[in-house]
Amino acid sequence: MERPILNKELGSKTFRDFYFLKEELVKFCKENGLSVSGGKIDITDRIAHYLDTGETLSAPREKRVKAPISDIYMDTKIEPDFVCTEKHRAFFKEHIGSTFTFNVAFQK
């Protein structure tokens, strides 16, 4: 299935099934009066809520403390609030191969 255009008519399930760049999410937020603050996960959740309800959620005021990323080994547990970083990408490319990419299915 071809990736749909991000607009108000898109359902949140379909929206979450596809990968959108943060820049695309921010543009959608600005066009629809949604807050653009926070990380990509925050913005994605805000857009999904808007697509389901038509309501705008304000951004939370408190900041999350990110777990420090130390060295990664085969038995390392995935940290809370996992974010795909260059360190993770390098680890997976080393163990899976140079064709590895962070795609929607992998991130879920």
PDB file of N, CA and C in Angstrom:
ATOM      1  N   MET A   1       0.848  -1.181   0.000  1.00  0.00           N
ATOM      2  CA  MET A   1       0.000   0.000   0.000  1.00  0.00           C
ATOM      3  C   MET A   1       0.890   1.239   0.000  1.00  0.00           C
ATOM      4  N   GLU A   2       0.546   2.184  -0.823  1.00  0.00           N
ATOM      5  CA  GLU A   2       1.309   3.423  -0.920  1.00  0.00           C
ATOM      6  C   GLU A   2       1.033   4.313   0.287  1.00  0.00           C
ATOM      7  N   ARG A   3       2.056   5.020   0.741  1.00  0.00           N
ATOM      8  CA  ARG A   3       1.913   5.880   1.911  1.00  0.00           C
ATOM      9  C   ARG A   3       0.912   6.991   1.614  1.00  0.00           C
ATOM     10  N   PRO A   4      -0.073   7.161   2.497  1.00  0.00           N
ATOM     11  CA  PRO A   4      -1.082   8.203   2.272  1.00  0.00           C
ATOM     12  C   PRO A   4      -0.535   9.592   2.591  1.00  0.00           C
ATOM     13  N   ILE A   5      -1.244  10.584   2.118  1.00  0.00           N
ATOM     14  CA  ILE A   5      -0.909  11.978   2.431  1.00  0.00           C
ATOM     15  C   ILE A   5      -1.436  12.272   3.828  1.00  0.00           C
ATOM     16  N   LEU A   6      -0.619  12.940   4.627  1.00  0.00           N
ATOM     17  CA  LEU A   6      -1.021  13.296   5.989  1.00  0.00           C
ATOM     18  C   LEU A   6      -1.959  14.493   5.921  1.00  0.00           C
ATOM     19  N   ASN A   7      -3.233  14.230   6.207  1.00  0.00           N
ATOM     20  CA  ASN A   7      -4.238  15.291   6.263  1.00  0.00           C
ATOM     21  C   ASN A   7      -5.292  14.936   7.303  1.00  0.00           C
ATOM     22  N   LYS A   8      -6.247  15.832   7.512  1.00  0.00           N
ATOM     23  CA  LYS A   8      -7.260  15.655   8.561  1.00  0.00           C
ATOM     24  C   LYS A   8      -8.185  14.470   8.313  1.00  0.00           C
ATOM     25  N   GLU A   9      -8.261  14.005   7.082  1.00  0.00           N
ATOM     26  CA  GLU A   9      -9.166  12.904   6.738  1.00  0.00           C
ATOM     27  C   GLU A   9      -8.571  11.534   7.068  1.00  0.00           C
ATOM     28  N   LEU A  10      -7.292  11.485   7.361  1.00  0.00           N
ATOM     29  CA  LEU A  10      -6.593  10.228   7.640  1.00  0.00           C
ATOM     30  C   LEU A  10      -6.975   9.722   9.034  1.00  0.00           C
ATOM     31  N   GLY A  11      -7.255   8.454   9.158  1.00  0.00           N
ATOM     32  CA  GLY A  11      -7.543   7.875  10.467  1.00  0.00           C
ATOM     33  C   GLY A  11      -6.255   7.645  11.245  1.00  0.00           C
ATOM     34  N   SER A  12      -6.350   7.635  12.559  1.00  0.00           N
ATOM     35  CA  SER A  12      -5.143   7.501  13.376  1.00  0.00           C
ATOM     36  C   SER A  12      -4.468   6.137  13.193  1.00  0.00           C
ATOM     37  N   LYS A  13      -5.248   5.083  12.961  1.00  0.00           N
ATOM     38  CA  LYS A  13      -4.636   3.768  12.760  1.00  0.00           C
ATOM     39  C   LYS A  13      -3.794   3.769  11.495  1.00  0.00           C
ATOM     40  N   THR A  14      -4.351   4.277  10.417  1.00  0.00           N
ATOM     41  CA  THR A  14      -3.601   4.364   9.160  1.00  0.00           C
ATOM     42  C   THR A  14      -2.387   5.257   9.340  1.00  0.00           C
ATOM     43  N   PHE A  15      -2.569   6.380  10.022  1.00  0.00           N
ATOM     44  CA  PHE A  15      -1.465   7.306  10.290  1.00  0.00           C
ATOM     45  C   PHE A  15      -0.322   6.589  11.000  1.00  0.00           C
ATOM     46  N   ARG A  16      -0.646   5.801  12.017  1.00  0.00           N
ATOM     47  CA  ARG A  16       0.391   5.108  12.789  1.00  0.00           C
ATOM     48  C   ARG A  16       1.022   3.940  12.021  1.00  0.00           C
ATOM     49  N   ASP A  17       0.374   3.469  10.976  1.00  0.00           N
ATOM     50  CA  ASP A  17       0.917   2.365  10.188  1.00  0.00           C
ATOM     51  C   ASP A  17       2.028   2.798   9.233  1.00  0.00           C
ATOM     52  N   PHE A  18       2.197   4.103   9.062  1.00  0.00           N
ATOM     53  CA  PHE A  18       3.183   4.606   8.112  1.00  0.00           C
ATOM     54  C   PHE A  18       4.195   5.507   8.807  1.00  0.00           C
ATOM     55  N   TYR A  19       5.354   5.618   8.177  1.00  0.00           N
ATOM     56  CA  TYR A  19       6.432   6.443   8.709  1.00  0.00           C
ATOM     57  C   TYR A  19       6.354   7.827   8.080  1.00  0.00           C
ATOM     58  N   PHE A  20       6.365   8.853   8.931  1.00  0.00           N
ATOM     59  CA  PHE A  20       6.401  10.239   8.479  1.00  0.00           C
ATOM     60  C   PHE A  20       7.606  10.919   9.115  1.00  0.00           C
ATOM     61  N   LEU A  21       8.257  11.768   8.350  1.00  0.00           N
ATOM     62  CA  LEU A  21       9.371  12.539   8.884  1.00  0.00           C
ATOM     63  C   LEU A  21       8.859  13.537   9.909  1.00  0.00           C
ATOM     64  N   LYS A  22       9.702  13.881  10.865  1.00  0.00           N
ATOM     65  CA  LYS A  22       9.297  14.856  11.884  1.00  0.00           C
ATOM     66  C   LYS A  22       8.898  16.173  11.229  1.00  0.00           C
ATOM     67  N   GLU A  23       9.604  16.564  10.169  1.00  0.00           N
ATOM     68  CA  GLU A  23       9.278  17.803   9.471  1.00  0.00           C
ATOM     69  C   GLU A  23       7.849  17.776   8.922  1.00  0.00           C
ATOM     70  N   GLU A  24       7.410  16.612   8.430  1.00  0.00           N
ATOM     71  CA  GLU A  24       6.042  16.474   7.922  1.00  0.00           C
ATOM     72  C   GLU A  24       5.037  16.601   9.063  1.00  0.00           C
ATOM     73  N   LEU A  25       5.375  16.008  10.211  1.00  0.00           N
ATOM     74  CA  LEU A  25       4.485  16.072  11.372  1.00  0.00           C
ATOM     75  C   LEU A  25       4.364  17.507  11.876  1.00  0.00           C
ATOM     76  N   VAL A  26       5.493  18.212  11.947  1.00  0.00           N
ATOM     77  CA  VAL A  26       5.499  19.605  12.419  1.00  0.00           C
ATOM     78  C   VAL A  26       4.670  20.470  11.472  1.00  0.00           C
ATOM     79  N   LYS A  27       4.826  20.262  10.165  1.00  0.00           N
ATOM     80  CA  LYS A  27       4.054  21.032   9.178  1.00  0.00           C
ATOM     81  C   LYS A  27       2.556  20.810   9.385  1.00  0.00           C
ATOM     82  N   PHE A  28       2.159  19.540   9.576  1.00  0.00           N
ATOM     83  CA  PHE A  28       0.747  19.228   9.813  1.00  0.00           C
ATOM     84  C   PHE A  28       0.245  19.934  11.072  1.00  0.00           C
ATOM     85  N   CYS A  29       1.054  19.895  12.132  1.00  0.00           N
ATOM     86  CA  CYS A  29       0.666  20.539  13.384  1.00  0.00           C
ATOM     87  C   CYS A  29       0.456  22.040  13.190  1.00  0.00           C
ATOM     88  N   LYS A  30       1.387  22.681  12.517  1.00  0.00           N
ATOM     89  CA  LYS A  30       1.274  24.129  12.295  1.00  0.00           C
ATOM     90  C   LYS A  30       0.046  24.471  11.471  1.00  0.00           C
ATOM     91  N   GLU A  31      -0.245  23.665  10.475  1.00  0.00           N
ATOM     92  CA  GLU A  31      -1.408  23.907   9.618  1.00  0.00           C
ATOM     93  C   GLU A  31      -2.728  23.699  10.356  1.00  0.00           C
ATOM     94  N   ASN A  32      -2.705  22.901  11.428  1.00  0.00           N
ATOM     95  CA  ASN A  32      -3.947  22.564  12.133  1.00  0.00           C
ATOM     96  C   ASN A  32      -3.999  23.085  13.565  1.00  0.00           C
ATOM     97  N   GLY A  33      -3.088  23.981  13.909  1.00  0.00           N
ATOM     98  CA  GLY A  33      -3.129  24.620  15.223  1.00  0.00           C
ATOM     99  C   GLY A  33      -2.723  23.723  16.381  1.00  0.00           C
ATOM    100  N   LEU A  34      -1.918  22.708  16.112  1.00  0.00           N
ATOM    101  CA  LEU A  34      -1.454  21.814  17.167  1.00  0.00           C
ATOM    102  C   LEU A  34      -0.067  22.244  17.624  1.00  0.00           C
ATOM    103  N   SER A  35       0.251  21.964  18.868  1.00  0.00           N
ATOM    104  CA  SER A  35       1.565  22.276  19.411  1.00  0.00           C
ATOM    105  C   SER A  35       2.629  21.438  18.702  1.00  0.00           C
ATOM    106  N   VAL A  36       3.775  22.052  18.432  1.00  0.00           N
ATOM    107  CA  VAL A  36       4.879  21.336  17.789  1.00  0.00           C
ATOM    108  C   VAL A  36       5.997  21.016  18.773  1.00  0.00           C
ATOM    109  N   SER A  37       5.773  21.279  20.048  1.00  0.00           N
ATOM    110  CA  SER A  37       6.821  21.026  21.038  1.00  0.00           C
ATOM    111  C   SER A  37       6.904  19.542  21.359  1.00  0.00           C
ATOM    112  N   GLY A  38       8.050  19.145  21.866  1.00  0.00           N
ATOM    113  CA  GLY A  38       8.267  17.759  22.248  1.00  0.00           C
ATOM    114  C   GLY A  38       8.957  16.986  21.150  1.00  0.00           C
ATOM    115  N   GLY A  39       9.193  15.725  21.429  1.00  0.00           N
ATOM    116  CA  GLY A  39       9.848  14.839  20.476  1.00  0.00           C
ATOM    117  C   GLY A  39       8.863  14.278  19.472  1.00  0.00           C
ATOM    118  N   LYS A  40       9.386  13.473  18.581  1.00  0.00           N
ATOM    119  CA  LYS A  40       8.564  12.910  17.516  1.00  0.00           C
ATOM    120  C   LYS A  40       7.430  12.040  18.068  1.00  0.00           C
ATOM    121  N   ILE A  41       7.708  11.295  19.120  1.00  0.00           N
ATOM    122  CA  ILE A  41       6.667  10.445  19.710  1.00  0.00           C
ATOM    123  C   ILE A  41       5.538  11.308  20.271  1.00  0.00           C
ATOM    124  N   ASP A  42       5.891  12.404  20.957  1.00  0.00           N
ATOM    125  CA  ASP A  42       4.878  13.317  21.508  1.00  0.00           C
ATOM    126  C   ASP A  42       4.016  13.901  20.392  1.00  0.00           C
ATOM    127  N   ILE A  43       4.673  14.346  19.331  1.00  0.00           N
ATOM    128  CA  ILE A  43       3.945  14.958  18.217  1.00  0.00           C
ATOM    129  C   ILE A  43       3.060  13.921  17.533  1.00  0.00           C
ATOM    130  N   THR A  44       3.565  12.703  17.366  1.00  0.00           N
ATOM    131  CA  THR A  44       2.779  11.630  16.752  1.00  0.00           C
ATOM    132  C   THR A  44       1.534  11.335  17.581  1.00  0.00           C
ATOM    133  N   ASP A  45       1.684  11.236  18.892  1.00  0.00           N
ATOM    134  CA  ASP A  45       0.536  10.979  19.768  1.00  0.00           C
ATOM    135  C   ASP A  45      -0.480  12.124  19.693  1.00  0.00           C
ATOM    136  N   ARG A  46       0.015  13.347  19.634  1.00  0.00           N
ATOM    137  CA  ARG A  46      -0.849  14.523  19.552  1.00  0.00           C
ATOM    138  C   ARG A  46      -1.653  14.513  18.248  1.00  0.00           C
ATOM    139  N   ILE A  47      -0.984  14.164  17.152  1.00  0.00           N
ATOM    140  CA  ILE A  47      -1.675  14.104  15.859  1.00  0.00           C
ATOM    141  C   ILE A  47      -2.692  12.976  15.839  1.00  0.00           C
ATOM    142  N   ALA A  48      -2.330  11.796  16.352  1.00  0.00           N
ATOM    143  CA  ALA A  48      -3.262  10.660  16.378  1.00  0.00           C
ATOM    144  C   ALA A  48      -4.517  11.021  17.174  1.00  0.00           C
ATOM    145  N   HIS A  49      -4.340  11.684  18.310  1.00  0.00           N
ATOM    146  CA  HIS A  49      -5.492  12.108  19.110  1.00  0.00           C
ATOM    147  C   HIS A  49      -6.361  13.079  18.314  1.00  0.00           C
ATOM    148  N   TYR A  50      -5.726  14.004  17.644  1.00  0.00           N
ATOM    149  CA  TYR A  50      -6.452  14.991  16.828  1.00  0.00           C
ATOM    150  C   TYR A  50      -7.225  14.298  15.702  1.00  0.00           C
ATOM    151  N   LEU A  51      -6.600  13.332  15.043  1.00  0.00           N
ATOM    152  CA  LEU A  51      -7.270  12.624  13.953  1.00  0.00           C
ATOM    153  C   LEU A  51      -8.475  11.830  14.447  1.00  0.00           C
ATOM    154  N   ASP A  52      -8.385  11.290  15.664  1.00  0.00           N
ATOM    155  CA  ASP A  52      -9.502  10.522  16.232  1.00  0.00           C
ATOM    156  C   ASP A  52     -10.639  11.404  16.737  1.00  0.00           C
ATOM    157  N   THR A  53     -10.280  12.530  17.383  1.00  0.00           N
ATOM    158  CA  THR A  53     -11.285  13.311  18.112  1.00  0.00           C
ATOM    159  C   THR A  53     -11.523  14.715  17.576  1.00  0.00           C
ATOM    160  N   GLY A  54     -10.569  15.252  16.814  1.00  0.00           N
ATOM    161  CA  GLY A  54     -10.666  16.645  16.380  1.00  0.00           C
ATOM    162  C   GLY A  54     -10.232  17.617  17.463  1.00  0.00           C
ATOM    163  N   GLU A  55      -9.835  17.077  18.624  1.00  0.00           N
ATOM    164  CA  GLU A  55      -9.409  17.920  19.750  1.00  0.00           C
ATOM    165  C   GLU A  55      -7.907  18.135  19.707  1.00  0.00           C
ATOM    166  N   THR A  56      -7.487  19.316  20.130  1.00  0.00           N
ATOM    167  CA  THR A  56      -6.064  19.595  20.224  1.00  0.00           C
ATOM    168  C   THR A  56      -5.603  19.366  21.657  1.00  0.00           C
ATOM    169  N   LEU A  57      -4.514  18.658  21.801  1.00  0.00           N
ATOM    170  CA  LEU A  57      -3.926  18.433  23.114  1.00  0.00           C
ATOM    171  C   LEU A  57      -2.783  19.421  23.304  1.00  0.00           C
ATOM    172  N   SER A  58      -2.715  19.992  24.489  1.00  0.00           N
ATOM    173  CA  SER A  58      -1.572  20.860  24.759  1.00  0.00           C
ATOM    174  C   SER A  58      -0.374  19.989  25.123  1.00  0.00           C
ATOM    175  N   ALA A  59       0.805  20.521  24.878  1.00  0.00           N
ATOM    176  CA  ALA A  59       2.028  19.780  25.181  1.00  0.00           C
ATOM    177  C   ALA A  59       2.221  19.703  26.683  1.00  0.00           C
ATOM    178  N   PRO A  60       2.698  18.565  27.192  1.00  0.00           N
ATOM    179  CA  PRO A  60       2.969  18.463  28.624  1.00  0.00           C
ATOM    180  C   PRO A  60       4.086  19.415  29.023  1.00  0.00           C
ATOM    181  N   ARG A  61       4.020  19.931  30.241  1.00  0.00           N
ATOM    182  CA  ARG A  61       4.997  20.904  30.716  1.00  0.00           C
ATOM    183  C   ARG A  61       6.260  20.258  31.281  1.00  0.00           C
ATOM    184  N   GLU A  62       6.147  19.036  31.784  1.00  0.00           N
ATOM    185  CA  GLU A  62       7.314  18.414  32.406  1.00  0.00           C
ATOM    186  C   GLU A  62       8.182  17.714  31.366  1.00  0.00           C
ATOM    187  N   LYS A  63       9.464  17.726  31.605  1.00  0.00           N
ATOM    188  CA  LYS A  63      10.396  17.065  30.700  1.00  0.00           C
ATOM    189  C   LYS A  63      10.680  15.661  31.208  1.00  0.00           C
ATOM    190  N   ARG A  64      10.800  14.734  30.264  1.00  0.00           N
ATOM    191  CA  ARG A  64      11.178  13.367  30.619  1.00  0.00           C
ATOM    192  C   ARG A  64      12.690  13.297  30.723  1.00  0.00           C
ATOM    193  N   VAL A  65      13.138  12.532  31.657  1.00  0.00           N
ATOM    194  CA  VAL A  65      14.571  12.298  31.799  1.00  0.00           C
ATOM    195  C   VAL A  65      14.909  11.067  30.979  1.00  0.00           C
ATOM    196  N   LYS A  66      15.785  11.244  30.005  1.00  0.00           N
ATOM    197  CA  LYS A  66      16.160  10.119  29.158  1.00  0.00           C
ATOM    198  C   LYS A  66      17.184   9.253  29.862  1.00  0.00           C
ATOM    199  N   ALA A  67      17.017   7.957  29.706  1.00  0.00           N
ATOM    200  CA  ALA A  67      17.992   7.025  30.256  1.00  0.00           C
ATOM    201  C   ALA A  67      19.284   7.156  29.467  1.00  0.00           C
ATOM    202  N   PRO A  68      20.399   7.189  30.154  1.00  0.00           N
ATOM    203  CA  PRO A  68      21.660   7.298  29.410  1.00  0.00           C
ATOM    204  C   PRO A  68      21.898   6.034  28.582  1.00  0.00           C
ATOM    205  N   ILE A  69      22.419   6.234  27.386  1.00  0.00           N
ATOM    206  CA  ILE A  69      22.715   5.100  26.519  1.00  0.00           C
ATOM    207  C   ILE A  69      24.175   4.741  26.718  1.00  0.00           C
ATOM    208  N   SER A  70      24.387   3.579  27.246  1.00  0.00           N
ATOM    209  CA  SER A  70      25.754   3.117  27.437  1.00  0.00           C
ATOM    210  C   SER A  70      26.110   2.204  26.266  1.00  0.00           C
ATOM    211  N   ASP A  71      27.143   1.435  26.416  1.00  0.00           N
ATOM    212  CA  ASP A  71      27.506   0.493  25.368  1.00  0.00           C
ATOM    213  C   ASP A  71      26.380  -0.517  25.185  1.00  0.00           C
ATOM    214  N   ILE A  72      26.198  -0.953  23.957  1.00  0.00           N
ATOM    215  CA  ILE A  72      25.133  -1.892  23.634  1.00  0.00           C
ATOM    216  C   ILE A  72      25.752  -3.251  23.333  1.00  0.00           C
ATOM    217  N   TYR A  73      25.179  -4.290  23.958  1.00  0.00           N
ATOM    218  CA  TYR A  73      25.637  -5.662  23.756  1.00  0.00           C
ATOM    219  C   TYR A  73      24.435  -6.515  23.389  1.00  0.00           C
ATOM    220  N   MET A  74      24.664  -7.736  22.972  1.00  0.00           N
ATOM    221  CA  MET A  74      23.569  -8.624  22.573  1.00  0.00           C
ATOM    222  C   MET A  74      22.572  -8.858  23.705  1.00  0.00           C
ATOM    223  N   ASP A  75      23.000  -8.814  24.966  1.00  0.00           N
ATOM    224  CA  ASP A  75      22.085  -9.055  26.079  1.00  0.00           C
ATOM    225  C   ASP A  75      21.599  -7.766  26.743  1.00  0.00           C
ATOM    226  N   THR A  76      21.866  -6.612  26.135  1.00  0.00           N
ATOM    227  CA  THR A  76      21.401  -5.340  26.677  1.00  0.00           C
ATOM    228  C   THR A  76      19.893  -5.247  26.526  1.00  0.00           C
ATOM    229  N   LYS A  77      19.199  -4.872  27.597  1.00  0.00           N
ATOM    230  CA  LYS A  77      17.749  -4.686  27.543  1.00  0.00           C
ATOM    231  C   LYS A  77      17.436  -3.352  26.874  1.00  0.00           C
ATOM    232  N   ILE A  78      16.325  -3.314  26.156  1.00  0.00           N
ATOM    233  CA  ILE A  78      15.901  -2.072  25.510  1.00  0.00           C
ATOM    234  C   ILE A  78      15.471  -1.103  26.604  1.00  0.00           C
ATOM    235  N   GLU A  79      16.053   0.090  26.568  1.00  0.00           N
ATOM    236  CA  GLU A  79      15.767   1.071  27.608  1.00  0.00           C
ATOM    237  C   GLU A  79      14.358   1.651  27.447  1.00  0.00           C
ATOM    238  N   PRO A  80      13.798   2.188  28.554  1.00  0.00           N
ATOM    239  CA  PRO A  80      12.476   2.820  28.463  1.00  0.00           C
ATOM    240  C   PRO A  80      12.541   4.009  27.513  1.00  0.00           C
ATOM    241  N   ASP A  81      11.432   4.319  26.860  1.00  0.00           N
ATOM    242  CA  ASP A  81      11.362   5.439  25.916  1.00  0.00           C
ATOM    243  C   ASP A  81      12.427   5.315  24.831  1.00  0.00           C
ATOM    244  N   PHE A  82      12.610   4.095  24.324  1.00  0.00           N
ATOM    245  CA  PHE A  82      13.614   3.811  23.308  1.00  0.00           C
ATOM    246  C   PHE A  82      13.467   4.760  22.131  1.00  0.00           C
ATOM    247  N   VAL A  83      14.560   5.364  21.719  1.00  0.00           N
ATOM    248  CA  VAL A  83      14.610   6.219  20.546  1.00  0.00           C
ATOM    249  C   VAL A  83      15.722   5.682  19.655  1.00  0.00           C
ATOM    250  N   CYS A  84      15.423   5.534  18.390  1.00  0.00           N
ATOM    251  CA  CYS A  84      16.408   5.025  17.437  1.00  0.00           C
ATOM    252  C   CYS A  84      17.498   6.069  17.226  1.00  0.00           C
ATOM    253  N   THR A  85      18.720   5.756  17.655  1.00  0.00           N
ATOM    254  CA  THR A  85      19.830   6.689  17.537  1.00  0.00           C
ATOM    255  C   THR A  85      20.894   6.104  16.623  1.00  0.00           C
ATOM    256  N   GLU A  86      21.897   6.925  16.324  1.00  0.00           N
ATOM    257  CA  GLU A  86      23.003   6.446  15.505  1.00  0.00           C
ATOM    258  C   GLU A  86      23.749   5.299  16.197  1.00  0.00           C
ATOM    259  N   LYS A  87      23.797   5.348  17.529  1.00  0.00           N
ATOM    260  CA  LYS A  87      24.457   4.273  18.270  1.00  0.00           C
ATOM    261  C   LYS A  87      23.705   2.949  18.064  1.00  0.00           C
ATOM    262  N   HIS A  88      22.382   3.011  18.128  1.00  0.00           N
ATOM    263  CA  HIS A  88      21.572   1.814  17.899  1.00  0.00           C
ATOM    264  C   HIS A  88      21.730   1.344  16.447  1.00  0.00           C
ATOM    265  N   ARG A  89      21.669   2.281  15.517  1.00  0.00           N
ATOM    266  CA  ARG A  89      21.796   1.949  14.102  1.00  0.00           C
ATOM    267  C   ARG A  89      23.124   1.233  13.835  1.00  0.00           C
ATOM    268  N   ALA A  90      24.206   1.755  14.398  1.00  0.00           N
ATOM    269  CA  ALA A  90      25.528   1.143  14.212  1.00  0.00           C
ATOM    270  C   ALA A  90      25.549  -0.275  14.778  1.00  0.00           C
ATOM    271  N   PHE A  91      24.933  -0.468  15.955  1.00  0.00           N
ATOM    272  CA  PHE A  91      24.889  -1.800  16.571  1.00  0.00           C
ATOM    273  C   PHE A  91      24.161  -2.782  15.663  1.00  0.00           C
ATOM    274  N   PHE A  92      22.969  -2.386  15.188  1.00  0.00           N
ATOM    275  CA  PHE A  92      22.181  -3.292  14.360  1.00  0.00           C
ATOM    276  C   PHE A  92      22.859  -3.559  13.017  1.00  0.00           C
ATOM    277  N   LYS A  93      23.466  -2.544  12.423  1.00  0.00           N
ATOM    278  CA  LYS A  93      24.177  -2.761  11.160  1.00  0.00           C
ATOM    279  C   LYS A  93      25.345  -3.724  11.345  1.00  0.00           C
ATOM    280  N   GLU A  94      26.019  -3.623  12.481  1.00  0.00           N
ATOM    281  CA  GLU A  94      27.141  -4.527  12.762  1.00  0.00           C
ATOM    282  C   GLU A  94      26.672  -5.969  12.878  1.00  0.00           C
ATOM    283  N   HIS A  95      25.497  -6.185  13.509  1.00  0.00           N
ATOM    284  CA  HIS A  95      25.024  -7.540  13.775  1.00  0.00           C
ATOM    285  C   HIS A  95      24.071  -8.085  12.715  1.00  0.00           C
ATOM    286  N   ILE A  96      23.373  -7.205  12.012  1.00  0.00           N
ATOM    287  CA  ILE A  96      22.406  -7.664  11.010  1.00  0.00           C
ATOM    288  C   ILE A  96      22.967  -7.517   9.599  1.00  0.00           C
ATOM    289  N   GLY A  97      23.728  -6.454   9.395  1.00  0.00           N
ATOM    290  CA  GLY A  97      24.311  -6.219   8.073  1.00  0.00           C
ATOM    291  C   GLY A  97      24.073  -4.796   7.605  1.00  0.00           C
ATOM    292  N   SER A  98      24.752  -4.422   6.560  1.00  0.00           N
ATOM    293  CA  SER A  98      24.705  -3.036   6.081  1.00  0.00           C
ATOM    294  C   SER A  98      23.357  -2.650   5.493  1.00  0.00           C
ATOM    295  N   THR A  99      22.498  -3.611   5.231  1.00  0.00           N
ATOM    296  CA  THR A  99      21.185  -3.295   4.667  1.00  0.00           C
ATOM    297  C   THR A  99      20.155  -2.936   5.747  1.00  0.00           C
ATOM    298  N   PHE A 100      20.549  -2.995   7.018  1.00  0.00           N
ATOM    299  CA  PHE A 100      19.614  -2.698   8.106  1.00  0.00           C
ATOM    300  C   PHE A 100      19.112  -1.266   8.030  1.00  0.00           C
ATOM    301  N   THR A 101      17.810  -1.075   8.245  1.00  0.00           N
ATOM    302  CA  THR A 101      17.215   0.257   8.383  1.00  0.00           C
ATOM    303  C   THR A 101      16.167   0.216   9.484  1.00  0.00           C
ATOM    304  N   PHE A 102      15.928   1.365  10.103  1.00  0.00           N
ATOM    305  CA  PHE A 102      14.839   1.487  11.070  1.00  0.00           C
ATOM    306  C   PHE A 102      13.567   1.723  10.274  1.00  0.00           C
ATOM    307  N   ASN A 103      12.731   0.704  10.135  1.00  0.00           N
ATOM    308  CA  ASN A 103      11.456   0.905   9.449  1.00  0.00           C
ATOM    309  C   ASN A 103      10.309   0.805  10.452  1.00  0.00           C
ATOM    310  N   VAL A 104       9.117   1.073  10.013  1.00  0.00           N
ATOM    311  CA  VAL A 104       7.962   1.107  10.905  1.00  0.00           C
ATOM    312  C   VAL A 104       7.768  -0.224  11.624  1.00  0.00           C
ATOM    313  N   ALA A 105       7.856  -1.322  10.895  1.00  0.00           N
ATOM    314  CA  ALA A 105       7.655  -2.635  11.518  1.00  0.00           C
ATOM    315  C   ALA A 105       8.691  -2.896  12.594  1.00  0.00           C
ATOM    316  N   PHE A 106       9.944  -2.559  12.331  1.00  0.00           N
ATOM    317  CA  PHE A 106      11.002  -2.772  13.325  1.00  0.00           C
ATOM    318  C   PHE A 106      10.744  -1.925  14.568  1.00  0.00           C
ATOM    319  N   GLN A 107      10.383  -0.669  14.384  1.00  0.00           N
ATOM    320  CA  GLN A 107      10.198   0.228  15.521  1.00  0.00           C
ATOM    321  C   GLN A 107       9.008  -0.162  16.394  1.00  0.00           C
ATOM    322  N   LYS A 108       8.007  -0.806  15.788  1.00  0.00           N
ATOM    323  CA  LYS A 108       6.857  -1.248  16.586  1.00  0.00           C
ATOM    324  C   LYS A 108       7.266  -2.413  17.446  1.00  0.00           C
TER     325      LYS A 108
END
